[in-house]
PDB file of all heavy atoms in Angstrom:
ATOM      1  N   HIS A   1       7.967 -10.668 -10.643  1.00  0.00           N
ATOM      2  CA  HIS A   1       8.237 -12.047 -10.230  1.00  0.00           C
ATOM      3  C   HIS A   1       9.616 -12.167  -9.584  1.00  0.00           C
ATOM      4  O   HIS A   1       9.770 -12.795  -8.527  1.00  0.00           O
ATOM      5  CB  HIS A   1       8.136 -12.976 -11.434  1.00  0.00           C
ATOM      6  CG  HIS A   1       8.665 -14.361 -11.172  1.00  0.00           C
ATOM      7  ND1 HIS A   1       8.007 -15.275 -10.377  1.00  0.00           N
ATOM      8  CD2 HIS A   1       9.816 -14.964 -11.559  1.00  0.00           C
ATOM      9  CE1 HIS A   1       8.714 -16.389 -10.303  1.00  0.00           C
ATOM     10  NE2 HIS A   1       9.814 -16.225 -11.007  1.00  0.00           N
ATOM     11  N   LEU A   2      10.624 -11.550 -10.203  1.00  0.00           N
ATOM     12  CA  LEU A   2      11.981 -11.604  -9.639  1.00  0.00           C
ATOM     13  C   LEU A   2      12.035 -10.939  -8.270  1.00  0.00           C
ATOM     14  O   LEU A   2      12.654 -11.456  -7.325  1.00  0.00           O
ATOM     15  CB  LEU A   2      12.962 -10.929 -10.601  1.00  0.00           C
ATOM     16  CG  LEU A   2      13.200 -11.646 -11.938  1.00  0.00           C
ATOM     17  CD1 LEU A   2      14.092 -10.798 -12.837  1.00  0.00           C
ATOM     18  CD2 LEU A   2      13.830 -13.021 -11.709  1.00  0.00           C
ATOM     19  N   TRP A   3      11.380  -9.791  -8.137  1.00  0.00           N
ATOM     20  CA  TRP A   3      11.385  -9.069  -6.856  1.00  0.00           C
ATOM     21  C   TRP A   3      10.694  -9.902  -5.778  1.00  0.00           C
ATOM     22  O   TRP A   3      11.204 -10.015  -4.651  1.00  0.00           O
ATOM     23  CB  TRP A   3      10.675  -7.726  -7.019  1.00  0.00           C
ATOM     24  CG  TRP A   3      10.626  -6.954  -5.738  1.00  0.00           C
ATOM     25  CD1 TRP A   3      11.608  -6.175  -5.195  1.00  0.00           C
ATOM     26  CD2 TRP A   3       9.533  -6.916  -4.809  1.00  0.00           C
ATOM     27  NE1 TRP A   3      11.194  -5.656  -3.990  1.00  0.00           N
ATOM     28  CE2 TRP A   3       9.929  -6.087  -3.729  1.00  0.00           C
ATOM     29  CE3 TRP A   3       8.265  -7.494  -4.789  1.00  0.00           C
ATOM     30  CZ2 TRP A   3       9.089  -5.828  -2.645  1.00  0.00           C
ATOM     31  CZ3 TRP A   3       7.432  -7.234  -3.722  1.00  0.00           C
ATOM     32  CH2 TRP A   3       7.841  -6.412  -2.661  1.00  0.00           C
ATOM     33  N   LYS A   4       9.559 -10.505  -6.090  1.00  0.00           N
ATOM     34  CA  LYS A   4       8.834 -11.289  -5.085  1.00  0.00           C
ATOM     35  C   LYS A   4       9.588 -12.568  -4.719  1.00  0.00           C
ATOM     36  O   LYS A   4       9.473 -13.056  -3.591  1.00  0.00           O
ATOM     37  CB  LYS A   4       7.423 -11.618  -5.590  1.00  0.00           C
ATOM     38  CG  LYS A   4       6.494 -10.404  -5.572  1.00  0.00           C
ATOM     39  CD  LYS A   4       5.071 -10.780  -5.952  1.00  0.00           C
ATOM     40  CE  LYS A   4       4.137  -9.586  -5.818  1.00  0.00           C
ATOM     41  NZ  LYS A   4       2.746  -9.925  -6.197  1.00  0.00           N
ATOM     42  N   THR A   5      10.342 -13.112  -5.664  1.00  0.00           N
ATOM     43  CA  THR A   5      11.164 -14.287  -5.354  1.00  0.00           C
ATOM     44  C   THR A   5      12.171 -13.961  -4.263  1.00  0.00           C
ATOM     45  O   THR A   5      12.428 -14.773  -3.361  1.00  0.00           O
ATOM     46  CB  THR A   5      11.892 -14.780  -6.620  1.00  0.00           C
ATOM     47  OG1 THR A   5      10.919 -15.121  -7.616  1.00  0.00           O
ATOM     48  CG2 THR A   5      12.739 -16.005  -6.318  1.00  0.00           C
ATOM     49  N   LEU A   6      12.733 -12.758  -4.332  1.00  0.00           N
ATOM     50  CA  LEU A   6      13.680 -12.318  -3.302  1.00  0.00           C
ATOM     51  C   LEU A   6      12.957 -11.915  -2.021  1.00  0.00           C
ATOM     52  O   LEU A   6      13.453 -12.158  -0.914  1.00  0.00           O
ATOM     53  CB  LEU A   6      14.507 -11.142  -3.829  1.00  0.00           C
ATOM     54  CG  LEU A   6      15.388 -11.427  -5.054  1.00  0.00           C
ATOM     55  CD1 LEU A   6      16.021 -10.133  -5.557  1.00  0.00           C
ATOM     56  CD2 LEU A   6      16.463 -12.446  -4.715  1.00  0.00           C
ATOM     57  N   ARG A   7      11.799 -11.301  -2.165  1.00  0.00           N
ATOM     58  CA  ARG A   7      11.068 -10.777  -1.012  1.00  0.00           C
ATOM     59  C   ARG A   7      10.395 -11.881  -0.202  1.00  0.00           C
ATOM     60  O   ARG A   7      10.286 -11.783   1.032  1.00  0.00           O
ATOM     61  CB  ARG A   7       9.999  -9.785  -1.516  1.00  0.00           C
ATOM     62  CG  ARG A   7       9.108  -9.183  -0.426  1.00  0.00           C
ATOM     63  CD  ARG A   7       9.875  -8.203   0.432  1.00  0.00           C
ATOM     64  NE  ARG A   7       9.007  -7.579   1.400  1.00  0.00           N
ATOM     65  CZ  ARG A   7       8.626  -8.121   2.561  1.00  0.00           C
ATOM     66  NH1 ARG A   7       9.065  -9.325   2.885  1.00  0.00           N
ATOM     67  NH2 ARG A   7       7.835  -7.461   3.382  1.00  0.00           N
ATOM     68  N   TYR A   8       9.924 -12.951  -0.861  1.00  0.00           N
ATOM     69  CA  TYR A   8       9.180 -14.010  -0.184  1.00  0.00           C
ATOM     70  C   TYR A   8       9.801 -15.377  -0.461  1.00  0.00           C
ATOM     71  O   TYR A   8       9.164 -16.240  -1.088  1.00  0.00           O
ATOM     72  CB  TYR A   8       7.717 -14.008  -0.647  1.00  0.00           C
ATOM     73  CG  TYR A   8       7.003 -12.697  -0.466  1.00  0.00           C
ATOM     74  CD1 TYR A   8       6.665 -11.913  -1.562  1.00  0.00           C
ATOM     75  CD2 TYR A   8       6.655 -12.249   0.805  1.00  0.00           C
ATOM     76  CE1 TYR A   8       5.987 -10.708  -1.401  1.00  0.00           C
ATOM     77  CE2 TYR A   8       5.990 -11.042   0.975  1.00  0.00           C
ATOM     78  CZ  TYR A   8       5.661 -10.278  -0.128  1.00  0.00           C
ATOM     79  OH  TYR A   8       5.001  -9.082   0.042  1.00  0.00           O
ATOM     80  N   PRO A   9      11.015 -15.616  -0.016  1.00  0.00           N
ATOM     81  CA  PRO A   9      11.662 -16.910  -0.298  1.00  0.00           C
ATOM     82  C   PRO A   9      10.883 -18.068   0.330  1.00  0.00           C
ATOM     83  O   PRO A   9      10.467 -18.003   1.488  1.00  0.00           O
ATOM     84  CB  PRO A   9      13.046 -16.765   0.345  1.00  0.00           C
ATOM     85  CG  PRO A   9      12.891 -15.691   1.370  1.00  0.00           C
ATOM     86  CD  PRO A   9      11.875 -14.737   0.812  1.00  0.00           C
ATOM     87  N   GLY A  10      10.638 -19.090  -0.471  1.00  0.00           N
ATOM     88  CA  GLY A  10       9.947 -20.272   0.033  1.00  0.00           C
ATOM     89  C   GLY A  10       8.448 -20.140   0.156  1.00  0.00           C
ATOM     90  O   GLY A  10       7.777 -21.063   0.624  1.00  0.00           O
ATOM     91  N   ARG A  11       7.885 -19.001  -0.261  1.00  0.00           N
ATOM     92  CA  ARG A  11       6.439 -18.806  -0.170  1.00  0.00           C
ATOM     93  C   ARG A  11       5.840 -18.675  -1.570  1.00  0.00           C
ATOM     94  O   ARG A  11       6.532 -18.341  -2.529  1.00  0.00           O
ATOM     95  CB  ARG A  11       6.111 -17.548   0.655  1.00  0.00           C
ATOM     96  CG  ARG A  11       6.652 -17.606   2.085  1.00  0.00           C
ATOM     97  CD  ARG A  11       6.271 -16.361   2.858  1.00  0.00           C
ATOM     98  NE  ARG A  11       4.833 -16.286   3.069  1.00  0.00           N
ATOM     99  CZ  ARG A  11       4.220 -15.183   3.521  1.00  0.00           C
ATOM    100  NH1 ARG A  11       4.922 -14.088   3.787  1.00  0.00           N
ATOM    101  NH2 ARG A  11       2.913 -15.177   3.708  1.00  0.00           N
ATOM    102  N   THR A  12       4.556 -18.945  -1.694  1.00  0.00           N
ATOM    103  CA  THR A  12       3.898 -18.857  -2.991  1.00  0.00           C
ATOM    104  C   THR A  12       3.174 -17.518  -3.129  1.00  0.00           C
ATOM    105  O   THR A  12       2.537 -17.046  -2.196  1.00  0.00           O
ATOM    106  CB  THR A  12       2.881 -19.997  -3.174  1.00  0.00           C
ATOM    107  OG1 THR A  12       1.925 -19.957  -2.103  1.00  0.00           O
ATOM    108  CG2 THR A  12       3.586 -21.346  -3.184  1.00  0.00           C
ATOM    109  N   PHE A  13       3.305 -16.919  -4.313  1.00  0.00           N
ATOM    110  CA  PHE A  13       2.673 -15.623  -4.586  1.00  0.00           C
ATOM    111  C   PHE A  13       2.076 -15.663  -5.990  1.00  0.00           C
ATOM    112  O   PHE A  13       2.321 -16.599  -6.768  1.00  0.00           O
ATOM    113  CB  PHE A  13       3.670 -14.473  -4.440  1.00  0.00           C
ATOM    114  CG  PHE A  13       4.997 -14.730  -5.096  1.00  0.00           C
ATOM    115  CD1 PHE A  13       5.195 -14.479  -6.451  1.00  0.00           C
ATOM    116  CD2 PHE A  13       6.070 -15.234  -4.360  1.00  0.00           C
ATOM    117  CE1 PHE A  13       6.417 -14.730  -7.065  1.00  0.00           C
ATOM    118  CE2 PHE A  13       7.299 -15.477  -4.959  1.00  0.00           C
ATOM    119  CZ  PHE A  13       7.476 -15.221  -6.318  1.00  0.00           C
ATOM    120  N   SER A  14       1.286 -14.643  -6.333  1.00  0.00           N
ATOM    121  CA  SER A  14       0.489 -14.710  -7.559  1.00  0.00           C
ATOM    122  C   SER A  14       1.297 -14.477  -8.828  1.00  0.00           C
ATOM    123  O   SER A  14       0.931 -14.972  -9.888  1.00  0.00           O
ATOM    124  CB  SER A  14      -0.663 -13.692  -7.492  1.00  0.00           C
ATOM    125  OG  SER A  14      -0.168 -12.377  -7.421  1.00  0.00           O
ATOM    126  N   THR A  15       2.384 -13.711  -8.749  1.00  0.00           N
ATOM    127  CA  THR A  15       3.096 -13.322  -9.962  1.00  0.00           C
ATOM    128  C   THR A  15       4.115 -14.379 -10.361  1.00  0.00           C
ATOM    129  O   THR A  15       5.293 -14.313  -9.987  1.00  0.00           O
ATOM    130  CB  THR A  15       3.789 -11.954  -9.767  1.00  0.00           C
ATOM    131  OG1 THR A  15       2.868 -11.041  -9.185  1.00  0.00           O
ATOM    132  CG2 THR A  15       4.267 -11.402 -11.099  1.00  0.00           C
ATOM    133  N   VAL A  16       3.646 -15.358 -11.123  1.00  0.00           N
ATOM    134  CA  VAL A  16       4.500 -16.417 -11.656  1.00  0.00           C
ATOM    135  C   VAL A  16       4.167 -16.575 -13.138  1.00  0.00           C
ATOM    136  O   VAL A  16       3.228 -15.957 -13.647  1.00  0.00           O
ATOM    137  CB  VAL A  16       4.289 -17.753 -10.907  1.00  0.00           C
ATOM    138  CG1 VAL A  16       4.738 -17.640  -9.458  1.00  0.00           C
ATOM    139  CG2 VAL A  16       2.832 -18.195 -10.974  1.00  0.00           C
ATOM    140  N   SER A  17       4.919 -17.394 -13.836  1.00  0.00           N
ATOM    141  CA  SER A  17       4.683 -17.574 -15.272  1.00  0.00           C
ATOM    142  C   SER A  17       3.279 -18.126 -15.512  1.00  0.00           C
ATOM    143  O   SER A  17       2.720 -18.827 -14.655  1.00  0.00           O
ATOM    144  CB  SER A  17       5.715 -18.530 -15.858  1.00  0.00           C
ATOM    145  OG  SER A  17       5.462 -19.852 -15.423  1.00  0.00           O
ATOM    146  N   PRO A  18       2.669 -17.828 -16.672  1.00  0.00           N
ATOM    147  CA  PRO A  18       1.328 -18.355 -16.959  1.00  0.00           C
ATOM    148  C   PRO A  18       1.241 -19.874 -16.865  1.00  0.00           C
ATOM    149  O   PRO A  18       0.220 -20.408 -16.414  1.00  0.00           O
ATOM    150  CB  PRO A  18       1.068 -17.862 -18.386  1.00  0.00           C
ATOM    151  CG  PRO A  18       1.843 -16.578 -18.470  1.00  0.00           C
ATOM    152  CD  PRO A  18       3.099 -16.834 -17.688  1.00  0.00           C
ATOM    153  N   ALA A  19       2.296 -20.587 -17.275  1.00  0.00           N
ATOM    154  CA  ALA A  19       2.262 -22.050 -17.194  1.00  0.00           C
ATOM    155  C   ALA A  19       2.210 -22.511 -15.746  1.00  0.00           C
ATOM    156  O   ALA A  19       1.415 -23.395 -15.384  1.00  0.00           O
ATOM    157  CB  ALA A  19       3.485 -22.639 -17.893  1.00  0.00           C
ATOM    158  N   ARG A  20       3.026 -21.903 -14.903  1.00  0.00           N
ATOM    159  CA  ARG A  20       3.035 -22.274 -13.490  1.00  0.00           C
ATOM    160  C   ARG A  20       1.741 -21.856 -12.800  1.00  0.00           C
ATOM    161  O   ARG A  20       1.201 -22.588 -11.964  1.00  0.00           O
ATOM    162  CB  ARG A  20       4.236 -21.631 -12.798  1.00  0.00           C
ATOM    163  CG  ARG A  20       4.422 -22.062 -11.348  1.00  0.00           C
ATOM    164  CD  ARG A  20       5.670 -21.459 -10.768  1.00  0.00           C
ATOM    165  NE  ARG A  20       5.815 -21.754  -9.357  1.00  0.00           N
ATOM    166  CZ  ARG A  20       6.768 -21.233  -8.570  1.00  0.00           C
ATOM    167  NH1 ARG A  20       7.672 -20.419  -9.092  1.00  0.00           N
ATOM    168  NH2 ARG A  20       6.819 -21.542  -7.296  1.00  0.00           N
ATOM    169  N   TYR A  21       1.229 -20.690 -13.171  1.00  0.00           N
ATOM    170  CA  TYR A  21      -0.009 -20.194 -12.569  1.00  0.00           C
ATOM    171  C   TYR A  21      -1.161 -21.153 -12.881  1.00  0.00           C
ATOM    172  O   TYR A  21      -1.945 -21.523 -11.993  1.00  0.00           O
ATOM    173  CB  TYR A  21      -0.320 -18.795 -13.108  1.00  0.00           C
ATOM    174  CG  TYR A  21      -1.348 -18.065 -12.291  1.00  0.00           C
ATOM    175  CD1 TYR A  21      -0.968 -17.161 -11.308  1.00  0.00           C
ATOM    176  CD2 TYR A  21      -2.719 -18.272 -12.483  1.00  0.00           C
ATOM    177  CE1 TYR A  21      -1.907 -16.486 -10.541  1.00  0.00           C
ATOM    178  CE2 TYR A  21      -3.660 -17.620 -11.730  1.00  0.00           C
ATOM    179  CZ  TYR A  21      -3.246 -16.726 -10.755  1.00  0.00           C
ATOM    180  OH  TYR A  21      -4.186 -16.069  -9.991  1.00  0.00           O
ATOM    181  N   ALA A  22      -1.276 -21.557 -14.154  1.00  0.00           N
ATOM    182  CA  ALA A  22      -2.349 -22.458 -14.560  1.00  0.00           C
ATOM    183  C   ALA A  22      -2.247 -23.800 -13.841  1.00  0.00           C
ATOM    184  O   ALA A  22      -3.254 -24.336 -13.346  1.00  0.00           O
ATOM    185  CB  ALA A  22      -2.297 -22.666 -16.075  1.00  0.00           C
ATOM    186  N   ARG A  23      -1.040 -24.340 -13.789  1.00  0.00           N
ATOM    187  CA  ARG A  23      -0.838 -25.641 -13.137  1.00  0.00           C
ATOM    188  C   ARG A  23      -1.173 -25.567 -11.658  1.00  0.00           C
ATOM    189  O   ARG A  23      -1.834 -26.453 -11.112  1.00  0.00           O
ATOM    190  CB  ARG A  23       0.613 -26.086 -13.338  1.00  0.00           C
ATOM    191  CG  ARG A  23       0.935 -27.451 -12.717  1.00  0.00           C
ATOM    192  CD  ARG A  23       2.323 -27.909 -13.132  1.00  0.00           C
ATOM    193  NE  ARG A  23       3.377 -27.009 -12.671  1.00  0.00           N
ATOM    194  CZ  ARG A  23       4.065 -26.189 -13.455  1.00  0.00           C
ATOM    195  NH1 ARG A  23       3.812 -26.139 -14.753  1.00  0.00           N
ATOM    196  NH2 ARG A  23       5.007 -25.405 -12.960  1.00  0.00           N
ATOM    197  N   ARG A  24      -0.775 -24.493 -10.997  1.00  0.00           N
ATOM    198  CA  ARG A  24      -0.987 -24.356  -9.554  1.00  0.00           C
ATOM    199  C   ARG A  24      -2.470 -24.206  -9.211  1.00  0.00           C
ATOM    200  O   ARG A  24      -2.962 -24.793  -8.234  1.00  0.00           O
ATOM    201  CB  ARG A  24      -0.190 -23.155  -9.037  1.00  0.00           C
ATOM    202  CG  ARG A  24      -0.118 -23.057  -7.536  1.00  0.00           C
ATOM    203  CD  ARG A  24       0.836 -21.948  -7.126  1.00  0.00           C
ATOM    204  NE  ARG A  24       0.364 -20.639  -7.567  1.00  0.00           N
ATOM    205  CZ  ARG A  24       1.089 -19.523  -7.474  1.00  0.00           C
ATOM    206  NH1 ARG A  24       2.316 -19.562  -6.991  1.00  0.00           N
ATOM    207  NH2 ARG A  24       0.599 -18.383  -7.875  1.00  0.00           N
ATOM    208  N   LEU A  25      -3.211 -23.443 -10.020  1.00  0.00           N
ATOM    209  CA  LEU A  25      -4.631 -23.275  -9.738  1.00  0.00           C
ATOM    210  C   LEU A  25      -5.387 -24.585  -9.980  1.00  0.00           C
ATOM    211  O   LEU A  25      -6.301 -24.940  -9.213  1.00  0.00           O
ATOM    212  CB  LEU A  25      -5.225 -22.148 -10.594  1.00  0.00           C
ATOM    213  CG  LEU A  25      -6.643 -21.708 -10.221  1.00  0.00           C
ATOM    214  CD1 LEU A  25      -6.733 -21.280  -8.760  1.00  0.00           C
ATOM    215  CD2 LEU A  25      -7.121 -20.588 -11.135  1.00  0.00           C
ATOM    216  N   TYR A  26      -5.011 -25.302 -11.018  1.00  0.00           N
ATOM    217  CA  TYR A  26      -5.616 -26.624 -11.250  1.00  0.00           C
ATOM    218  C   TYR A  26      -5.338 -27.539 -10.056  1.00  0.00           C
ATOM    219  O   TYR A  26      -6.240 -28.250  -9.587  1.00  0.00           O
ATOM    220  CB  TYR A  26      -5.055 -27.248 -12.522  1.00  0.00           C
ATOM    221  CG  TYR A  26      -5.515 -28.681 -12.726  1.00  0.00           C
ATOM    222  CD1 TYR A  26      -6.720 -28.964 -13.361  1.00  0.00           C
ATOM    223  CD2 TYR A  26      -4.759 -29.753 -12.244  1.00  0.00           C
ATOM    224  CE1 TYR A  26      -7.164 -30.275 -13.524  1.00  0.00           C
ATOM    225  CE2 TYR A  26      -5.197 -31.055 -12.393  1.00  0.00           C
ATOM    226  CZ  TYR A  26      -6.391 -31.318 -13.040  1.00  0.00           C
ATOM    227  OH  TYR A  26      -6.825 -32.615 -13.184  1.00  0.00           O
ATOM    228  N   GLN A  27      -4.113 -27.537  -9.554  1.00  0.00           N
ATOM    229  CA  GLN A  27      -3.765 -28.389  -8.427  1.00  0.00           C
ATOM    230  C   GLN A  27      -4.523 -27.990  -7.170  1.00  0.00           C
ATOM    231  O   GLN A  27      -4.866 -28.846  -6.347  1.00  0.00           O
ATOM    232  CB  GLN A  27      -2.251 -28.329  -8.183  1.00  0.00           C
ATOM    233  CG  GLN A  27      -1.438 -29.027  -9.281  1.00  0.00           C
ATOM    234  CD  GLN A  27       0.050 -28.781  -9.160  1.00  0.00           C
ATOM    235  OE1 GLN A  27       0.504 -27.854  -8.472  1.00  0.00           O
ATOM    236  NE2 GLN A  27       0.846 -29.614  -9.822  1.00  0.00           N
ATOM    237  N   TRP A  28      -4.803 -26.702  -7.013  1.00  0.00           N
ATOM    238  CA  TRP A  28      -5.611 -26.257  -5.870  1.00  0.00           C
ATOM    239  C   TRP A  28      -7.002 -26.889  -5.937  1.00  0.00           C
ATOM    240  O   TRP A  28      -7.519 -27.397  -4.928  1.00  0.00           O
ATOM    241  CB  TRP A  28      -5.723 -24.727  -5.852  1.00  0.00           C
ATOM    242  CG  TRP A  28      -6.413 -24.212  -4.624  1.00  0.00           C
ATOM    243  CD1 TRP A  28      -5.845 -23.764  -3.480  1.00  0.00           C
ATOM    244  CD2 TRP A  28      -7.843 -24.126  -4.412  1.00  0.00           C
ATOM    245  NE1 TRP A  28      -6.800 -23.402  -2.557  1.00  0.00           N
ATOM    246  CE2 TRP A  28      -8.043 -23.623  -3.108  1.00  0.00           C
ATOM    247  CE3 TRP A  28      -8.956 -24.427  -5.184  1.00  0.00           C
ATOM    248  CZ2 TRP A  28      -9.301 -23.406  -2.562  1.00  0.00           C
ATOM    249  CZ3 TRP A  28     -10.227 -24.226  -4.651  1.00  0.00           C
ATOM    250  CH2 TRP A  28     -10.386 -23.713  -3.356  1.00  0.00           C
ATOM    251  N   VAL A  29      -7.624 -26.854  -7.110  1.00  0.00           N
ATOM    252  CA  VAL A  29      -8.964 -27.439  -7.267  1.00  0.00           C
ATOM    253  C   VAL A  29      -8.905 -28.947  -7.017  1.00  0.00           C
ATOM    254  O   VAL A  29      -9.773 -29.515  -6.334  1.00  0.00           O
ATOM    255  CB  VAL A  29      -9.529 -27.134  -8.669  1.00  0.00           C
ATOM    256  CG1 VAL A  29     -10.854 -27.867  -8.873  1.00  0.00           C
ATOM    257  CG2 VAL A  29      -9.727 -25.627  -8.836  1.00  0.00           C
TER     258      VAL A  29
END
């Protein structure tokens, strides 16, 4: 997660905390 935060600033990627992941997928639906 830390590496991707640096590698993809301002973009969304899959490796985030479980709480954020769950919230984001719900919001997608």
